[in-house]
PDB file of all heavy atoms in Angstrom:
ATOM      1  N   THR A   1    -164.441 -25.759-189.439  1.00  0.00           N
ATOM      2  CA  THR A   1    -163.275 -26.051-188.600  1.00  0.00           C
ATOM      3  C   THR A   1    -161.986 -25.914-189.393  1.00  0.00           C
ATOM      4  O   THR A   1    -160.997 -25.375-188.905  1.00  0.00           O
ATOM      5  CB  THR A   1    -163.383 -27.473-188.014  1.00  0.00           C
ATOM      6  OG1 THR A   1    -164.581 -27.586-187.257  1.00  0.00           O
ATOM      7  CG2 THR A   1    -162.191 -27.775-187.114  1.00  0.00           C
ATOM      8  N   ARG A   2    -162.001 -26.380-190.639  1.00  0.00           N
ATOM      9  CA  ARG A   2    -160.804 -26.243-191.482  1.00  0.00           C
ATOM     10  C   ARG A   2    -160.461 -24.779-191.703  1.00  0.00           C
ATOM     11  O   ARG A   2    -159.297 -24.396-191.715  1.00  0.00           O
ATOM     12  CB  ARG A   2    -161.041 -26.933-192.830  1.00  0.00           C
ATOM     13  CG  ARG A   2    -161.210 -28.436-192.733  1.00  0.00           C
ATOM     14  CD  ARG A   2    -161.429 -29.043-194.098  1.00  0.00           C
ATOM     15  NE  ARG A   2    -162.023 -30.373-193.991  1.00  0.00           N
ATOM     16  CZ  ARG A   2    -162.400 -31.110-195.021  1.00  0.00           C
ATOM     17  NH1 ARG A   2    -162.253 -30.637-196.244  1.00  0.00           N
ATOM     18  NH2 ARG A   2    -162.919 -32.307-194.847  1.00  0.00           N
ATOM     19  N   ASP A   3    -161.487 -23.950-191.892  1.00  0.00           N
ATOM     20  CA  ASP A   3    -161.250 -22.511-192.082  1.00  0.00           C
ATOM     21  C   ASP A   3    -160.612 -21.908-190.837  1.00  0.00           C
ATOM     22  O   ASP A   3    -159.694 -21.074-190.936  1.00  0.00           O
ATOM     23  CB  ASP A   3    -162.562 -21.793-192.405  1.00  0.00           C
ATOM     24  CG  ASP A   3    -163.094 -22.144-193.786  1.00  0.00           C
ATOM     25  OD1 ASP A   3    -162.298 -22.656-194.608  1.00  0.00           O
ATOM     26  OD2 ASP A   3    -164.300 -21.931-194.042  1.00  0.00           O
ATOM     27  N   VAL A   4    -161.104 -22.324-189.652  1.00  0.00           N
ATOM     28  CA  VAL A   4    -160.543 -21.799-188.396  1.00  0.00           C
ATOM     29  C   VAL A   4    -159.090 -22.248-188.237  1.00  0.00           C
ATOM     30  O   VAL A   4    -158.223 -21.470-187.819  1.00  0.00           O
ATOM     31  CB  VAL A   4    -161.391 -22.254-187.187  1.00  0.00           C
ATOM     32  CG1 VAL A   4    -160.736 -21.805-185.875  1.00  0.00           C
ATOM     33  CG2 VAL A   4    -162.798 -21.690-187.277  1.00  0.00           C
ATOM     34  N   ILE A   5    -158.804 -23.513-188.582  1.00  0.00           N
ATOM     35  CA  ILE A   5    -157.428 -24.023-188.494  1.00  0.00           C
ATOM     36  C   ILE A   5    -156.504 -23.202-189.387  1.00  0.00           C
ATOM     37  O   ILE A   5    -155.431 -22.758-188.958  1.00  0.00           O
ATOM     38  CB  ILE A   5    -157.383 -25.516-188.879  1.00  0.00           C
ATOM     39  CG1 ILE A   5    -158.060 -26.366-187.800  1.00  0.00           C
ATOM     40  CG2 ILE A   5    -155.938 -25.983-189.080  1.00  0.00           C
ATOM     41  CD1 ILE A   5    -158.223 -27.829-188.188  1.00  0.00           C
ATOM     42  N   ASP A   6    -156.914 -22.992-190.634  1.00  0.00           N
ATOM     43  CA  ASP A   6    -156.092 -22.207-191.567  1.00  0.00           C
ATOM     44  C   ASP A   6    -155.874 -20.786-191.052  1.00  0.00           C
ATOM     45  O   ASP A   6    -154.769 -20.239-191.149  1.00  0.00           O
ATOM     46  CB  ASP A   6    -156.760 -22.162-192.945  1.00  0.00           C
ATOM     47  CG  ASP A   6    -156.759 -23.520-193.630  1.00  0.00           C
ATOM     48  OD1 ASP A   6    -155.935 -24.370-193.230  1.00  0.00           O
ATOM     49  OD2 ASP A   6    -157.570 -23.727-194.553  1.00  0.00           O
ATOM     50  N   ALA A   7    -156.934 -20.181-190.492  1.00  0.00           N
ATOM     51  CA  ALA A   7    -156.820 -18.810-189.990  1.00  0.00           C
ATOM     52  C   ALA A   7    -155.871 -18.743-188.791  1.00  0.00           C
ATOM     53  O   ALA A   7    -155.077 -17.798-188.660  1.00  0.00           O
ATOM     54  CB  ALA A   7    -158.201 -18.282-189.609  1.00  0.00           C
ATOM     55  N   GLU A   8    -155.924 -19.743-187.919  1.00  0.00           N
ATOM     56  CA  GLU A   8    -155.054 -19.762-186.743  1.00  0.00           C
ATOM     57  C   GLU A   8    -153.592 -19.962-187.133  1.00  0.00           C
ATOM     58  O   GLU A   8    -152.694 -19.339-186.566  1.00  0.00           O
ATOM     59  CB  GLU A   8    -155.496 -20.869-185.785  1.00  0.00           C
ATOM     60  CG  GLU A   8    -156.733 -20.535-184.985  1.00  0.00           C
ATOM     61  CD  GLU A   8    -156.471 -19.408-183.995  1.00  0.00           C
ATOM     62  OE1 GLU A   8    -155.971 -19.678-182.897  1.00  0.00           O
ATOM     63  OE2 GLU A   8    -156.750 -18.244-184.346  1.00  0.00           O
ATOM     64  N   ILE A   9    -153.347 -20.840-188.097  1.00  0.00           N
ATOM     65  CA  ILE A   9    -151.970 -21.050-188.566  1.00  0.00           C
ATOM     66  C   ILE A   9    -151.416 -19.748-189.146  1.00  0.00           C
ATOM     67  O   ILE A   9    -150.290 -19.333-188.837  1.00  0.00           O
ATOM     68  CB  ILE A   9    -151.926 -22.174-189.620  1.00  0.00           C
ATOM     69  CG1 ILE A   9    -152.282 -23.520-188.979  1.00  0.00           C
ATOM     70  CG2 ILE A   9    -150.553 -22.253-190.270  1.00  0.00           C
ATOM     71  CD1 ILE A   9    -152.518 -24.630-189.975  1.00  0.00           C
ATOM     72  N   LYS A  10    -152.230 -19.097-189.967  1.00  0.00           N
ATOM     73  CA  LYS A  10    -151.794 -17.829-190.569  1.00  0.00           C
ATOM     74  C   LYS A  10    -151.550 -16.771-189.501  1.00  0.00           C
ATOM     75  O   LYS A  10    -150.574 -16.010-189.561  1.00  0.00           O
ATOM     76  CB  LYS A  10    -152.858 -17.342-191.565  1.00  0.00           C
ATOM     77  CG  LYS A  10    -152.466 -16.052-192.267  1.00  0.00           C
ATOM     78  CD  LYS A  10    -153.552 -15.601-193.235  1.00  0.00           C
ATOM     79  CE  LYS A  10    -153.158 -14.280-193.900  1.00  0.00           C
ATOM     80  NZ  LYS A  10    -154.210 -13.798-194.830  1.00  0.00           N
ATOM     81  N   ARG A  11    -152.429 -16.715-188.491  1.00  0.00           N
ATOM     82  CA  ARG A  11    -152.267 -15.717-187.426  1.00  0.00           C
ATOM     83  C   ARG A  11    -150.956 -15.916-186.665  1.00  0.00           C
ATOM     84  O   ARG A  11    -150.207 -14.959-186.425  1.00  0.00           O
ATOM     85  CB  ARG A  11    -153.455 -15.804-186.450  1.00  0.00           C
ATOM     86  CG  ARG A  11    -153.346 -14.834-185.277  1.00  0.00           C
ATOM     87  CD  ARG A  11    -154.441 -15.102-184.253  1.00  0.00           C
ATOM     88  NE  ARG A  11    -154.332 -16.422-183.651  1.00  0.00           N
ATOM     89  CZ  ARG A  11    -153.486 -16.723-182.659  1.00  0.00           C
ATOM     90  NH1 ARG A  11    -152.647 -15.816-182.187  1.00  0.00           N
ATOM     91  NH2 ARG A  11    -153.466 -17.942-182.147  1.00  0.00           N
ATOM     92  N   ILE A  12    -150.649 -17.170-186.311  1.00  0.00           N
ATOM     93  CA  ILE A  12    -149.442 -17.445-185.526  1.00  0.00           C
ATOM     94  C   ILE A  12    -148.186 -17.048-186.297  1.00  0.00           C
ATOM     95  O   ILE A  12    -147.310 -16.355-185.788  1.00  0.00           O
ATOM     96  CB  ILE A  12    -149.394 -18.940-185.132  1.00  0.00           C
ATOM     97  CG1 ILE A  12    -150.478 -19.249-184.103  1.00  0.00           C
ATOM     98  CG2 ILE A  12    -148.019 -19.309-184.584  1.00  0.00           C
ATOM     99  CD1 ILE A  12    -150.636 -20.730-183.805  1.00  0.00           C
ATOM    100  N   VAL A  13    -148.116 -17.477-187.557  1.00  0.00           N
ATOM    101  CA  VAL A  13    -146.920 -17.181-188.355  1.00  0.00           C
ATOM    102  C   VAL A  13    -146.803 -15.680-188.614  1.00  0.00           C
ATOM    103  O   VAL A  13    -145.716 -15.088-188.496  1.00  0.00           O
ATOM    104  CB  VAL A  13    -146.948 -17.961-189.687  1.00  0.00           C
ATOM    105  CG1 VAL A  13    -145.764 -17.577-190.564  1.00  0.00           C
ATOM    106  CG2 VAL A  13    -146.923 -19.469-189.424  1.00  0.00           C
ATOM    107  N   THR A  14    -147.919 -15.038-188.934  1.00  0.00           N
ATOM    108  CA  THR A  14    -147.890 -13.595-189.226  1.00  0.00           C
ATOM    109  C   THR A  14    -147.482 -12.793-187.994  1.00  0.00           C
ATOM    110  O   THR A  14    -146.684 -11.847-188.087  1.00  0.00           O
ATOM    111  CB  THR A  14    -149.260 -13.122-189.727  1.00  0.00           C
ATOM    112  OG1 THR A  14    -149.632 -13.896-190.872  1.00  0.00           O
ATOM    113  CG2 THR A  14    -149.233 -11.660-190.106  1.00  0.00           C
ATOM    114  N   GLU A  15    -148.026 -13.145-186.827  1.00  0.00           N
ATOM    115  CA  GLU A  15    -147.675 -12.427-185.601  1.00  0.00           C
ATOM    116  C   GLU A  15    -146.190 -12.524-185.299  1.00  0.00           C
ATOM    117  O   GLU A  15    -145.549 -11.546-184.902  1.00  0.00           O
ATOM    118  CB  GLU A  15    -148.487 -12.969-184.420  1.00  0.00           C
ATOM    119  CG  GLU A  15    -149.930 -12.506-184.407  1.00  0.00           C
ATOM    120  CD  GLU A  15    -150.691 -13.061-183.214  1.00  0.00           C
ATOM    121  OE1 GLU A  15    -150.072 -13.835-182.428  1.00  0.00           O
ATOM    122  OE2 GLU A  15    -151.877 -12.733-183.059  1.00  0.00           O
ATOM    123  N   GLN A  16    -145.613 -13.714-185.472  1.00  0.00           N
ATOM    124  CA  GLN A  16    -144.187 -13.884-185.176  1.00  0.00           C
ATOM    125  C   GLN A  16    -143.319 -13.203-186.230  1.00  0.00           C
ATOM    126  O   GLN A  16    -142.238 -12.716-185.916  1.00  0.00           O
ATOM    127  CB  GLN A  16    -143.851 -15.372-185.065  1.00  0.00           C
ATOM    128  CG  GLN A  16    -144.542 -16.081-183.913  1.00  0.00           C
ATOM    129  CD  GLN A  16    -144.427 -15.314-182.603  1.00  0.00           C
ATOM    130  OE1 GLN A  16    -143.333 -14.937-182.192  1.00  0.00           O
ATOM    131  NE2 GLN A  16    -145.562 -15.068-181.959  1.00  0.00           N
ATOM    132  N   ALA A  17    -143.777 -13.166-187.464  1.00  0.00           N
ATOM    133  CA  ALA A  17    -143.035 -12.440-188.506  1.00  0.00           C
ATOM    134  C   ALA A  17    -143.002 -10.945-188.189  1.00  0.00           C
ATOM    135  O   ALA A  17    -141.960 -10.279-188.317  1.00  0.00           O
ATOM    136  CB  ALA A  17    -143.663 -12.688-189.873  1.00  0.00           C
ATOM    137  N   GLU A  18    -144.146 -10.394-187.760  1.00  0.00           N
ATOM    138  CA  GLU A  18    -144.200  -8.971-187.397  1.00  0.00           C
ATOM    139  C   GLU A  18    -143.366  -8.698-186.147  1.00  0.00           C
ATOM    140  O   GLU A  18    -142.716  -7.644-186.032  1.00  0.00           O
ATOM    141  CB  GLU A  18    -145.657  -8.557-187.174  1.00  0.00           C
ATOM    142  CG  GLU A  18    -146.485  -8.564-188.449  1.00  0.00           C
ATOM    143  CD  GLU A  18    -147.966  -8.343-188.185  1.00  0.00           C
ATOM    144  OE1 GLU A  18    -148.361  -8.355-186.986  1.00  0.00           O
ATOM    145  OE2 GLU A  18    -148.727  -8.181-189.161  1.00  0.00           O
ATOM    146  N   ARG A  19    -143.375  -9.652-185.227  1.00  0.00           N
ATOM    147  CA  ARG A  19    -142.546  -9.506-184.023  1.00  0.00           C
ATOM    148  C   ARG A  19    -141.070  -9.459-184.391  1.00  0.00           C
ATOM    149  O   ARG A  19    -140.310  -8.616-183.883  1.00  0.00           O
ATOM    150  CB  ARG A  19    -142.831 -10.678-183.081  1.00  0.00           C
ATOM    151  CG  ARG A  19    -142.001 -10.705-181.812  1.00  0.00           C
ATOM    152  CD  ARG A  19    -142.218 -12.018-181.091  1.00  0.00           C
ATOM    153  NE  ARG A  19    -141.401 -12.174-179.914  1.00  0.00           N
ATOM    154  CZ  ARG A  19    -141.146 -13.335-179.336  1.00  0.00           C
ATOM    155  NH1 ARG A  19    -141.656 -14.455-179.839  1.00  0.00           N
ATOM    156  NH2 ARG A  19    -140.377 -13.400-178.269  1.00  0.00           N
ATOM    157  N   ALA A  20    -140.640 -10.363-185.274  1.00  0.00           N
ATOM    158  CA  ALA A  20    -139.235 -10.388-185.716  1.00  0.00           C
ATOM    159  C   ALA A  20    -138.881  -9.086-186.425  1.00  0.00           C
ATOM    160  O   ALA A  20    -137.795  -8.518-186.211  1.00  0.00           O
ATOM    161  CB  ALA A  20    -139.005 -11.587-186.641  1.00  0.00           C
ATOM    162  N   GLN A  21    -139.791  -8.600-187.250  1.00  0.00           N
ATOM    163  CA  GLN A  21    -139.535  -7.361-187.986  1.00  0.00           C
ATOM    164  C   GLN A  21    -139.387  -6.181-187.026  1.00  0.00           C
ATOM    165  O   GLN A  21    -138.519  -5.312-187.206  1.00  0.00           O
ATOM    166  CB  GLN A  21    -140.672  -7.107-188.976  1.00  0.00           C
ATOM    167  CG  GLN A  21    -140.320  -6.124-190.083  1.00  0.00           C
ATOM    168  CD  GLN A  21    -141.338  -6.172-191.218  1.00  0.00           C
ATOM    169  OE1 GLN A  21    -142.013  -7.180-191.405  1.00  0.00           O
ATOM    170  NE2 GLN A  21    -141.439  -5.086-191.971  1.00  0.00           N
ATOM    171  N   GLY A  22    -140.208  -6.159-185.981  1.00  0.00           N
ATOM    172  CA  GLY A  22    -140.115  -5.088-184.998  1.00  0.00           C
ATOM    173  C   GLY A  22    -138.795  -5.118-184.229  1.00  0.00           C
ATOM    174  O   GLY A  22    -138.178  -4.069-183.994  1.00  0.00           O
ATOM    175  N   LEU A  23    -138.364  -6.321-183.827  1.00  0.00           N
ATOM    176  CA  LEU A  23    -137.100  -6.448-183.088  1.00  0.00           C
ATOM    177  C   LEU A  23    -135.910  -6.018-183.949  1.00  0.00           C
ATOM    178  O   LEU A  23    -134.997  -5.339-183.476  1.00  0.00           O
ATOM    179  CB  LEU A  23    -136.919  -7.890-182.617  1.00  0.00           C
ATOM    180  CG  LEU A  23    -137.802  -8.347-181.453  1.00  0.00           C
ATOM    181  CD1 LEU A  23    -137.685  -9.852-181.251  1.00  0.00           C
ATOM    182  CD2 LEU A  23    -137.407  -7.609-180.170  1.00  0.00           C
ATOM    183  N   LEU A  24    -135.925  -6.412-185.215  1.00  0.00           N
ATOM    184  CA  LEU A  24    -134.809  -6.055-186.096  1.00  0.00           C
ATOM    185  C   LEU A  24    -134.799  -4.564-186.402  1.00  0.00           C
ATOM    186  O   LEU A  24    -133.734  -3.959-186.561  1.00  0.00           O
ATOM    187  CB  LEU A  24    -134.880  -6.866-187.391  1.00  0.00           C
ATOM    188  CG  LEU A  24    -134.611  -8.370-187.257  1.00  0.00           C
ATOM    189  CD1 LEU A  24    -134.765  -9.057-188.608  1.00  0.00           C
ATOM    190  CD2 LEU A  24    -133.214  -8.629-186.697  1.00  0.00           C
ATOM    191  N   SER A  25    -135.974  -3.938-186.475  1.00  0.00           N
ATOM    192  CA  SER A  25    -136.034  -2.490-186.689  1.00  0.00           C
ATOM    193  C   SER A  25    -135.427  -1.746-185.502  1.00  0.00           C
ATOM    194  O   SER A  25    -134.739  -0.734-185.672  1.00  0.00           O
ATOM    195  CB  SER A  25    -137.485  -2.044-186.898  1.00  0.00           C
ATOM    196  OG  SER A  25    -138.023  -2.625-188.074  1.00  0.00           O
ATOM    197  N   GLN A  26    -135.666  -2.271-184.286  1.00  0.00           N
ATOM    198  CA  GLN A  26    -135.095  -1.665-183.091  1.00  0.00           C
ATOM    199  C   GLN A  26    -133.575  -1.817-183.044  1.00  0.00           C
ATOM    200  O   GLN A  26    -132.883  -0.998-182.447  1.00  0.00           O
ATOM    201  CB  GLN A  26    -135.704  -2.290-181.839  1.00  0.00           C
ATOM    202  CG  GLN A  26    -137.186  -2.022-181.650  1.00  0.00           C
ATOM    203  CD  GLN A  26    -137.766  -2.818-180.498  1.00  0.00           C
ATOM    204  OE1 GLN A  26    -137.053  -3.220-179.570  1.00  0.00           O
ATOM    205  NE2 GLN A  26    -139.067  -3.067-180.543  1.00  0.00           N
ATOM    206  N   HIS A  27    -133.054  -2.883-183.639  1.00  0.00           N
ATOM    207  CA  HIS A  27    -131.620  -3.166-183.592  1.00  0.00           C
ATOM    208  C   HIS A  27    -131.031  -3.116-185.008  1.00  0.00           C
ATOM    209  O   HIS A  27    -130.239  -3.961-185.400  1.00  0.00           O
ATOM    210  CB  HIS A  27    -131.370  -4.546-182.960  1.00  0.00           C
ATOM    211  CG  HIS A  27    -131.810  -4.638-181.525  1.00  0.00           C
ATOM    212  ND1 HIS A  27    -133.107  -4.933-181.181  1.00  0.00           N
ATOM    213  CD2 HIS A  27    -131.127  -4.464-180.367  1.00  0.00           C
ATOM    214  CE1 HIS A  27    -133.210  -4.948-179.853  1.00  0.00           C
ATOM    215  NE2 HIS A  27    -132.019  -4.674-179.335  1.00  0.00           N
ATOM    216  N   ARG A  28    -131.427  -2.109-185.747  1.00  0.00           N
ATOM    217  CA  ARG A  28    -130.974  -1.975-187.140  1.00  0.00           C
ATOM    218  C   ARG A  28    -129.443  -1.855-187.225  1.00  0.00           C
ATOM    219  O   ARG A  28    -128.813  -2.416-188.124  1.00  0.00           O
ATOM    220  CB  ARG A  28    -131.649  -0.755-187.759  1.00  0.00           C
ATOM    221  CG  ARG A  28    -131.120  -0.332-189.128  1.00  0.00           C
ATOM    222  CD  ARG A  28    -131.396  -1.392-190.184  1.00  0.00           C
ATOM    223  NE  ARG A  28    -130.738  -1.063-191.427  1.00  0.00           N
ATOM    224  CZ  ARG A  28    -131.312  -0.336-192.405  1.00  0.00           C
ATOM    225  NH1 ARG A  28    -132.542   0.122-192.261  1.00  0.00           N
ATOM    226  NH2 ARG A  28    -130.655  -0.098-193.520  1.00  0.00           N
ATOM    227  N   LYS A  29    -128.837  -1.116-186.289  1.00  0.00           N
ATOM    228  CA  LYS A  29    -127.386  -0.940-186.321  1.00  0.00           C
ATOM    229  C   LYS A  29    -126.673  -2.285-186.161  1.00  0.00           C
ATOM    230  O   LYS A  29    -125.698  -2.578-186.873  1.00  0.00           O
ATOM    231  CB  LYS A  29    -126.954   0.018-185.211  1.00  0.00           C
ATOM    232  CG  LYS A  29    -125.460   0.318-185.223  1.00  0.00           C
ATOM    233  CD  LYS A  29    -125.078   1.283-184.100  1.00  0.00           C
ATOM    234  CE  LYS A  29    -123.564   1.518-184.092  1.00  0.00           C
ATOM    235  NZ  LYS A  29    -123.159   2.416-182.976  1.00  0.00           N
TER     236      LYS A  29
END
């Protein structure tokens, strides 16, 4: 269960970081 918790926390943060990176790439100017 601890492993699943750690994996879920990492997934949430990583997904939002990639989302932010994608939005900023679209609005680079």
